[in-house]
Amino acid sequence: MFVSFGMAEHLNGECVLRFDDTNPEAEKQEYIDHIQDIVAWMGWKPSKASTHSTLCSCACTVLQVVHT
């Protein structure tokens, strides 16, 4: 996390906190909340939180637009 958030901060960029949701039915909100609490405790502020499937969906949409 230090590299991702630190590099974004160094370059005046943004860092997205991405959760791996390969098995969304097994994911509990308490785990997500705990991870977000730890990230905040470490002093990092993600620009947003997202899931792997959301990012993949966006990438697929961009590729479809580019190739049409």
PDB file of N, CA and C in Angstrom:
ATOM      1  N   MET A   1       0.817  -1.181   0.000  1.00  0.00           N
ATOM      2  CA  MET A   1       0.000   0.000   0.000  1.00  0.00           C
ATOM      3  C   MET A   1       0.866   1.251   0.000  1.00  0.00           C
ATOM      4  N   PHE A   2       2.012   1.166   0.672  1.00  0.00           N
ATOM      5  CA  PHE A   2       2.861   2.341   0.727  1.00  0.00           C
ATOM      6  C   PHE A   2       3.261   2.791  -0.667  1.00  0.00           C
ATOM      7  N   VAL A   3       3.590   1.842  -1.528  1.00  0.00           N
ATOM      8  CA  VAL A   3       4.014   2.197  -2.884  1.00  0.00           C
ATOM      9  C   VAL A   3       2.851   2.844  -3.637  1.00  0.00           C
ATOM     10  N   SER A   4       1.678   2.240  -3.600  1.00  0.00           N
ATOM     11  CA  SER A   4       0.532   2.766  -4.354  1.00  0.00           C
ATOM     12  C   SER A   4       0.115   4.146  -3.867  1.00  0.00           C
ATOM     13  N   PHE A   5      -0.147   4.266  -2.571  1.00  0.00           N
ATOM     14  CA  PHE A   5      -0.590   5.549  -2.030  1.00  0.00           C
ATOM     15  C   PHE A   5       0.550   6.562  -2.032  1.00  0.00           C
ATOM     16  N   GLY A   6       1.747   6.103  -1.691  1.00  0.00           N
ATOM     17  CA  GLY A   6       2.890   7.004  -1.654  1.00  0.00           C
ATOM     18  C   GLY A   6       3.233   7.567  -3.022  1.00  0.00           C
ATOM     19  N   MET A   7       3.189   6.729  -4.044  1.00  0.00           N
ATOM     20  CA  MET A   7       3.489   7.196  -5.402  1.00  0.00           C
ATOM     21  C   MET A   7       2.415   8.169  -5.888  1.00  0.00           C
ATOM     22  N   ALA A   8       1.161   7.851  -5.595  1.00  0.00           N
ATOM     23  CA  ALA A   8       0.079   8.754  -5.989  1.00  0.00           C
ATOM     24  C   ALA A   8       0.255  10.115  -5.313  1.00  0.00           C
ATOM     25  N   GLU A   9       0.595  10.091  -4.036  1.00  0.00           N
ATOM     26  CA  GLU A   9       0.804  11.351  -3.319  1.00  0.00           C
ATOM     27  C   GLU A   9       1.996  12.111  -3.887  1.00  0.00           C
ATOM     28  N   HIS A  10       3.082  11.406  -4.145  1.00  0.00           N
ATOM     29  CA  HIS A  10       4.301  12.016  -4.682  1.00  0.00           C
ATOM     30  C   HIS A  10       4.050  12.672  -6.040  1.00  0.00           C
ATOM     31  N   LEU A  11       3.203  12.047  -6.849  1.00  0.00           N
ATOM     32  CA  LEU A  11       2.933  12.562  -8.195  1.00  0.00           C
ATOM     33  C   LEU A  11       1.660  13.402  -8.278  1.00  0.00           C
ATOM     34  N   ASN A  12       1.120  13.767  -7.104  1.00  0.00           N
ATOM     35  CA  ASN A  12      -0.130  14.543  -7.040  1.00  0.00           C
ATOM     36  C   ASN A  12      -1.260  13.838  -7.786  1.00  0.00           C
ATOM     37  N   GLY A  13      -1.277  12.530  -7.666  1.00  0.00           N
ATOM     38  CA  GLY A  13      -2.312  11.740  -8.326  1.00  0.00           C
ATOM     39  C   GLY A  13      -3.329  11.226  -7.331  1.00  0.00           C
ATOM     40  N   GLU A  14      -4.053  10.237  -7.744  1.00  0.00           N
ATOM     41  CA  GLU A  14      -5.071   9.621  -6.911  1.00  0.00           C
ATOM     42  C   GLU A  14      -4.804   8.130  -6.813  1.00  0.00           C
ATOM     43  N   CYS A  15      -5.268   7.535  -5.737  1.00  0.00           N
ATOM     44  CA  CYS A  15      -5.133   6.099  -5.565  1.00  0.00           C
ATOM     45  C   CYS A  15      -6.505   5.529  -5.231  1.00  0.00           C
ATOM     46  N   VAL A  16      -6.906   4.520  -5.978  1.00  0.00           N
ATOM     47  CA  VAL A  16      -8.186   3.855  -5.764  1.00  0.00           C
ATOM     48  C   VAL A  16      -7.934   2.634  -4.878  1.00  0.00           C
ATOM     49  N   LEU A  17      -8.729   2.505  -3.833  1.00  0.00           N
ATOM     50  CA  LEU A  17      -8.661   1.319  -2.983  1.00  0.00           C
ATOM     51  C   LEU A  17      -9.519   0.250  -3.646  1.00  0.00           C
ATOM     52  N   ARG A  18      -8.857  -0.775  -4.188  1.00  0.00           N
ATOM     53  CA  ARG A  18      -9.568  -1.805  -4.944  1.00  0.00           C
ATOM     54  C   ARG A  18      -9.687  -3.071  -4.117  1.00  0.00           C
ATOM     55  N   PHE A  19     -10.902  -3.559  -4.015  1.00  0.00           N
ATOM     56  CA  PHE A  19     -11.162  -4.802  -3.314  1.00  0.00           C
ATOM     57  C   PHE A  19     -11.306  -5.933  -4.328  1.00  0.00           C
ATOM     58  N   ASP A  20     -10.643  -7.034  -4.046  1.00  0.00           N
ATOM     59  CA  ASP A  20     -10.747  -8.215  -4.895  1.00  0.00           C
ATOM     60  C   ASP A  20     -12.052  -8.918  -4.556  1.00  0.00           C
ATOM     61  N   ASP A  21     -12.949  -8.967  -5.503  1.00  0.00           N
ATOM     62  CA  ASP A  21     -14.271  -9.568  -5.267  1.00  0.00           C
ATOM     63  C   ASP A  21     -14.485 -10.782  -6.161  1.00  0.00           C
ATOM     64  N   THR A  22     -13.479 -11.640  -6.213  1.00  0.00           N
ATOM     65  CA  THR A  22     -13.597 -12.828  -7.052  1.00  0.00           C
ATOM     66  C   THR A  22     -14.682 -13.767  -6.551  1.00  0.00           C
ATOM     67  N   ASN A  23     -15.041 -13.640  -5.287  1.00  0.00           N
ATOM     68  CA  ASN A  23     -16.115 -14.448  -4.719  1.00  0.00           C
ATOM     69  C   ASN A  23     -17.011 -13.529  -3.874  1.00  0.00           C
ATOM     70  N   PRO A  24     -17.805 -12.658  -4.531  1.00  0.00           N
ATOM     71  CA  PRO A  24     -18.570 -11.644  -3.814  1.00  0.00           C
ATOM     72  C   PRO A  24     -19.545 -12.204  -2.776  1.00  0.00           C
ATOM     73  N   GLU A  25     -20.050 -13.403  -3.001  1.00  0.00           N
ATOM     74  CA  GLU A  25     -20.992 -13.983  -2.043  1.00  0.00           C
ATOM     75  C   GLU A  25     -20.322 -14.273  -0.702  1.00  0.00           C
ATOM     76  N   ALA A  26     -19.020 -14.512  -0.723  1.00  0.00           N
ATOM     77  CA  ALA A  26     -18.298 -14.846   0.500  1.00  0.00           C
ATOM     78  C   ALA A  26     -17.749 -13.608   1.219  1.00  0.00           C
ATOM     79  N   GLU A  27     -17.773 -12.474   0.551  1.00  0.00           N
ATOM     80  CA  GLU A  27     -17.233 -11.253   1.150  1.00  0.00           C
ATOM     81  C   GLU A  27     -18.226 -10.686   2.157  1.00  0.00           C
ATOM     82  N   LYS A  28     -17.719 -10.346   3.325  1.00  0.00           N
ATOM     83  CA  LYS A  28     -18.560  -9.748   4.360  1.00  0.00           C
ATOM     84  C   LYS A  28     -18.222  -8.273   4.477  1.00  0.00           C
ATOM     85  N   GLN A  29     -19.238  -7.451   4.686  1.00  0.00           N
ATOM     86  CA  GLN A  29     -19.045  -6.016   4.812  1.00  0.00           C
ATOM     87  C   GLN A  29     -18.083  -5.673   5.947  1.00  0.00           C
ATOM     88  N   GLU A  30     -18.074  -6.467   7.001  1.00  0.00           N
ATOM     89  CA  GLU A  30     -17.198  -6.186   8.138  1.00  0.00           C
ATOM     90  C   GLU A  30     -15.721  -6.226   7.722  1.00  0.00           C
ATOM     91  N   TYR A  31     -15.365  -7.094   6.778  1.00  0.00           N
ATOM     92  CA  TYR A  31     -13.986  -7.153   6.312  1.00  0.00           C
ATOM     93  C   TYR A  31     -13.634  -5.901   5.508  1.00  0.00           C
ATOM     94  N   ILE A  32     -14.543  -5.493   4.666  1.00  0.00           N
ATOM     95  CA  ILE A  32     -14.331  -4.279   3.869  1.00  0.00           C
ATOM     96  C   ILE A  32     -14.195  -3.071   4.787  1.00  0.00           C
ATOM     97  N   ASP A  33     -15.081  -2.967   5.772  1.00  0.00           N
ATOM     98  CA  ASP A  33     -15.022  -1.854   6.721  1.00  0.00           C
ATOM     99  C   ASP A  33     -13.698  -1.852   7.484  1.00  0.00           C
ATOM    100  N   HIS A  34     -13.257  -3.032   7.889  1.00  0.00           N
ATOM    101  CA  HIS A  34     -12.009  -3.132   8.648  1.00  0.00           C
ATOM    102  C   HIS A  34     -10.813  -2.700   7.796  1.00  0.00           C
ATOM    103  N   ILE A  35     -10.776  -3.115   6.562  1.00  0.00           N
ATOM    104  CA  ILE A  35      -9.686  -2.710   5.664  1.00  0.00           C
ATOM    105  C   ILE A  35      -9.689  -1.203   5.485  1.00  0.00           C
ATOM    106  N   GLN A  36     -10.863  -0.614   5.282  1.00  0.00           N
ATOM    107  CA  GLN A  36     -10.954   0.841   5.129  1.00  0.00           C
ATOM    108  C   GLN A  36     -10.503   1.552   6.403  1.00  0.00           C
ATOM    109  N   ASP A  37     -10.839   1.003   7.566  1.00  0.00           N
ATOM    110  CA  ASP A  37     -10.392   1.581   8.837  1.00  0.00           C
ATOM    111  C   ASP A  37      -8.867   1.539   8.953  1.00  0.00           C
ATOM    112  N   ILE A  38      -8.263   0.428   8.549  1.00  0.00           N
ATOM    113  CA  ILE A  38      -6.802   0.297   8.612  1.00  0.00           C
ATOM    114  C   ILE A  38      -6.132   1.296   7.674  1.00  0.00           C
ATOM    115  N   VAL A  39      -6.663   1.422   6.468  1.00  0.00           N
ATOM    116  CA  VAL A  39      -6.104   2.370   5.502  1.00  0.00           C
ATOM    117  C   VAL A  39      -6.172   3.794   6.064  1.00  0.00           C
ATOM    118  N   ALA A  40      -7.297   4.157   6.665  1.00  0.00           N
ATOM    119  CA  ALA A  40      -7.444   5.487   7.268  1.00  0.00           C
ATOM    120  C   ALA A  40      -6.481   5.647   8.449  1.00  0.00           C
ATOM    121  N   TRP A  41      -6.334   4.605   9.266  1.00  0.00           N
ATOM    122  CA  TRP A  41      -5.438   4.654  10.420  1.00  0.00           C
ATOM    123  C   TRP A  41      -3.994   4.893   9.966  1.00  0.00           C
ATOM    124  N   MET A  42      -3.649   4.333   8.812  1.00  0.00           N
ATOM    125  CA  MET A  42      -2.303   4.520   8.275  1.00  0.00           C
ATOM    126  C   MET A  42      -2.117   5.914   7.673  1.00  0.00           C
ATOM    127  N   GLY A  43      -3.195   6.673   7.590  1.00  0.00           N
ATOM    128  CA  GLY A  43      -3.101   8.037   7.086  1.00  0.00           C
ATOM    129  C   GLY A  43      -3.356   8.194   5.598  1.00  0.00           C
ATOM    130  N   TRP A  44      -3.748   7.121   4.940  1.00  0.00           N
ATOM    131  CA  TRP A  44      -3.992   7.182   3.510  1.00  0.00           C
ATOM    132  C   TRP A  44      -5.452   7.532   3.244  1.00  0.00           C
ATOM    133  N   LYS A  45      -5.675   8.279   2.176  1.00  0.00           N
ATOM    134  CA  LYS A  45      -7.036   8.668   1.785  1.00  0.00           C
ATOM    135  C   LYS A  45      -7.253   8.304   0.323  1.00  0.00           C
ATOM    136  N   PRO A  46      -7.882   7.164   0.078  1.00  0.00           N
ATOM    137  CA  PRO A  46      -8.132   6.784  -1.316  1.00  0.00           C
ATOM    138  C   PRO A  46      -9.103   7.760  -1.976  1.00  0.00           C
ATOM    139  N   SER A  47      -8.938   7.949  -3.277  1.00  0.00           N
ATOM    140  CA  SER A  47      -9.859   8.832  -3.998  1.00  0.00           C
ATOM    141  C   SER A  47     -11.240   8.208  -4.080  1.00  0.00           C
ATOM    142  N   LYS A  48     -11.281   6.874  -4.096  1.00  0.00           N
ATOM    143  CA  LYS A  48     -12.538   6.136  -4.043  1.00  0.00           C
ATOM    144  C   LYS A  48     -12.212   4.674  -3.774  1.00  0.00           C
ATOM    145  N   ALA A  49     -13.235   3.930  -3.434  1.00  0.00           N
ATOM    146  CA  ALA A  49     -13.090   2.487  -3.260  1.00  0.00           C
ATOM    147  C   ALA A  49     -13.856   1.819  -4.387  1.00  0.00           C
ATOM    148  N   SER A  50     -13.294   0.745  -4.886  1.00  0.00           N
ATOM    149  CA  SER A  50     -13.912   0.046  -6.003  1.00  0.00           C
ATOM    150  C   SER A  50     -13.648  -1.446  -5.859  1.00  0.00           C
ATOM    151  N   THR A  51     -14.279  -2.206  -6.730  1.00  0.00           N
ATOM    152  CA  THR A  51     -14.046  -3.645  -6.753  1.00  0.00           C
ATOM    153  C   THR A  51     -13.389  -4.033  -8.065  1.00  0.00           C
ATOM    154  N   HIS A  52     -12.770  -5.175  -8.061  1.00  0.00           N
ATOM    155  CA  HIS A  52     -12.112  -5.688  -9.260  1.00  0.00           C
ATOM    156  C   HIS A  52     -13.108  -5.794 -10.415  1.00  0.00           C
ATOM    157  N   SER A  53     -14.308  -6.311 -10.139  1.00  0.00           N
ATOM    158  CA  SER A  53     -15.284  -6.503 -11.209  1.00  0.00           C
ATOM    159  C   SER A  53     -15.746  -5.172 -11.795  1.00  0.00           C
ATOM    160  N   THR A  54     -15.841  -4.130 -10.962  1.00  0.00           N
ATOM    161  CA  THR A  54     -16.231  -2.808 -11.457  1.00  0.00           C
ATOM    162  C   THR A  54     -15.170  -2.260 -12.405  1.00  0.00           C
ATOM    163  N   LEU A  55     -13.895  -2.386 -12.013  1.00  0.00           N
ATOM    164  CA  LEU A  55     -12.823  -1.892 -12.871  1.00  0.00           C
ATOM    165  C   LEU A  55     -12.751  -2.667 -14.180  1.00  0.00           C
ATOM    166  N   CYS A  56     -12.945  -3.975 -14.111  1.00  0.00           N
ATOM    167  CA  CYS A  56     -12.932  -4.784 -15.338  1.00  0.00           C
ATOM    168  C   CYS A  56     -14.077  -4.402 -16.259  1.00  0.00           C
ATOM    169  N   SER A  57     -15.232  -4.138 -15.683  1.00  0.00           N
ATOM    170  CA  SER A  57     -16.385  -3.733 -16.474  1.00  0.00           C
ATOM    171  C   SER A  57     -16.116  -2.407 -17.189  1.00  0.00           C
ATOM    172  N   CYS A  58     -15.498  -1.466 -16.468  1.00  0.00           N
ATOM    173  CA  CYS A  58     -15.167  -0.175 -17.081  1.00  0.00           C
ATOM    174  C   CYS A  58     -14.149  -0.347 -18.201  1.00  0.00           C
ATOM    175  N   ALA A  59     -13.149  -1.173 -17.966  1.00  0.00           N
ATOM    176  CA  ALA A  59     -12.121  -1.411 -18.988  1.00  0.00           C
ATOM    177  C   ALA A  59     -12.733  -2.036 -20.232  1.00  0.00           C
ATOM    178  N   CYS A  60     -13.639  -2.981 -20.043  1.00  0.00           N
ATOM    179  CA  CYS A  60     -14.295  -3.623 -21.193  1.00  0.00           C
ATOM    180  C   CYS A  60     -15.110  -2.612 -21.981  1.00  0.00           C
ATOM    181  N   THR A  61     -15.778  -1.711 -21.289  1.00  0.00           N
ATOM    182  CA  THR A  61     -16.574  -0.668 -21.957  1.00  0.00           C
ATOM    183  C   THR A  61     -15.665   0.236 -22.779  1.00  0.00           C
ATOM    184  N   VAL A  62     -14.545   0.649 -22.206  1.00  0.00           N
ATOM    185  CA  VAL A  62     -13.601   1.504 -22.933  1.00  0.00           C
ATOM    186  C   VAL A  62     -13.081   0.788 -24.167  1.00  0.00           C
ATOM    187  N   LEU A  63     -12.721  -0.471 -24.031  1.00  0.00           N
ATOM    188  CA  LEU A  63     -12.204  -1.221 -25.181  1.00  0.00           C
ATOM    189  C   LEU A  63     -13.266  -1.364 -26.273  1.00  0.00           C
ATOM    190  N   GLN A  64     -14.509  -1.558 -25.892  1.00  0.00           N
ATOM    191  CA  GLN A  64     -15.575  -1.678 -26.877  1.00  0.00           C
ATOM    192  C   GLN A  64     -15.751  -0.365 -27.643  1.00  0.00           C
ATOM    193  N   VAL A  65     -15.669   0.752 -26.928  1.00  0.00           N
ATOM    194  CA  VAL A  65     -15.824   2.057 -27.580  1.00  0.00           C
ATOM    195  C   VAL A  65     -14.656   2.327 -28.507  1.00  0.00           C
ATOM    196  N   VAL A  66     -13.461   1.998 -28.084  1.00  0.00           N
ATOM    197  CA  VAL A  66     -12.262   2.253 -28.888  1.00  0.00           C
ATOM    198  C   VAL A  66     -12.260   1.426 -30.167  1.00  0.00           C
ATOM    199  N   HIS A  67     -12.767   0.208 -30.094  1.00  0.00           N
ATOM    200  CA  HIS A  67     -12.713  -0.685 -31.245  1.00  0.00           C
ATOM    201  C   HIS A  67     -13.962  -0.643 -32.119  1.00  0.00           C
ATOM    202  N   THR A  68     -14.837   0.332 -31.921  1.00  0.00           N
ATOM    203  CA  THR A  68     -16.010   0.446 -32.786  1.00  0.00           C
ATOM    204  C   THR A  68     -15.888   1.620 -33.711  1.00  0.00           C
TER     205      THR A  68
END
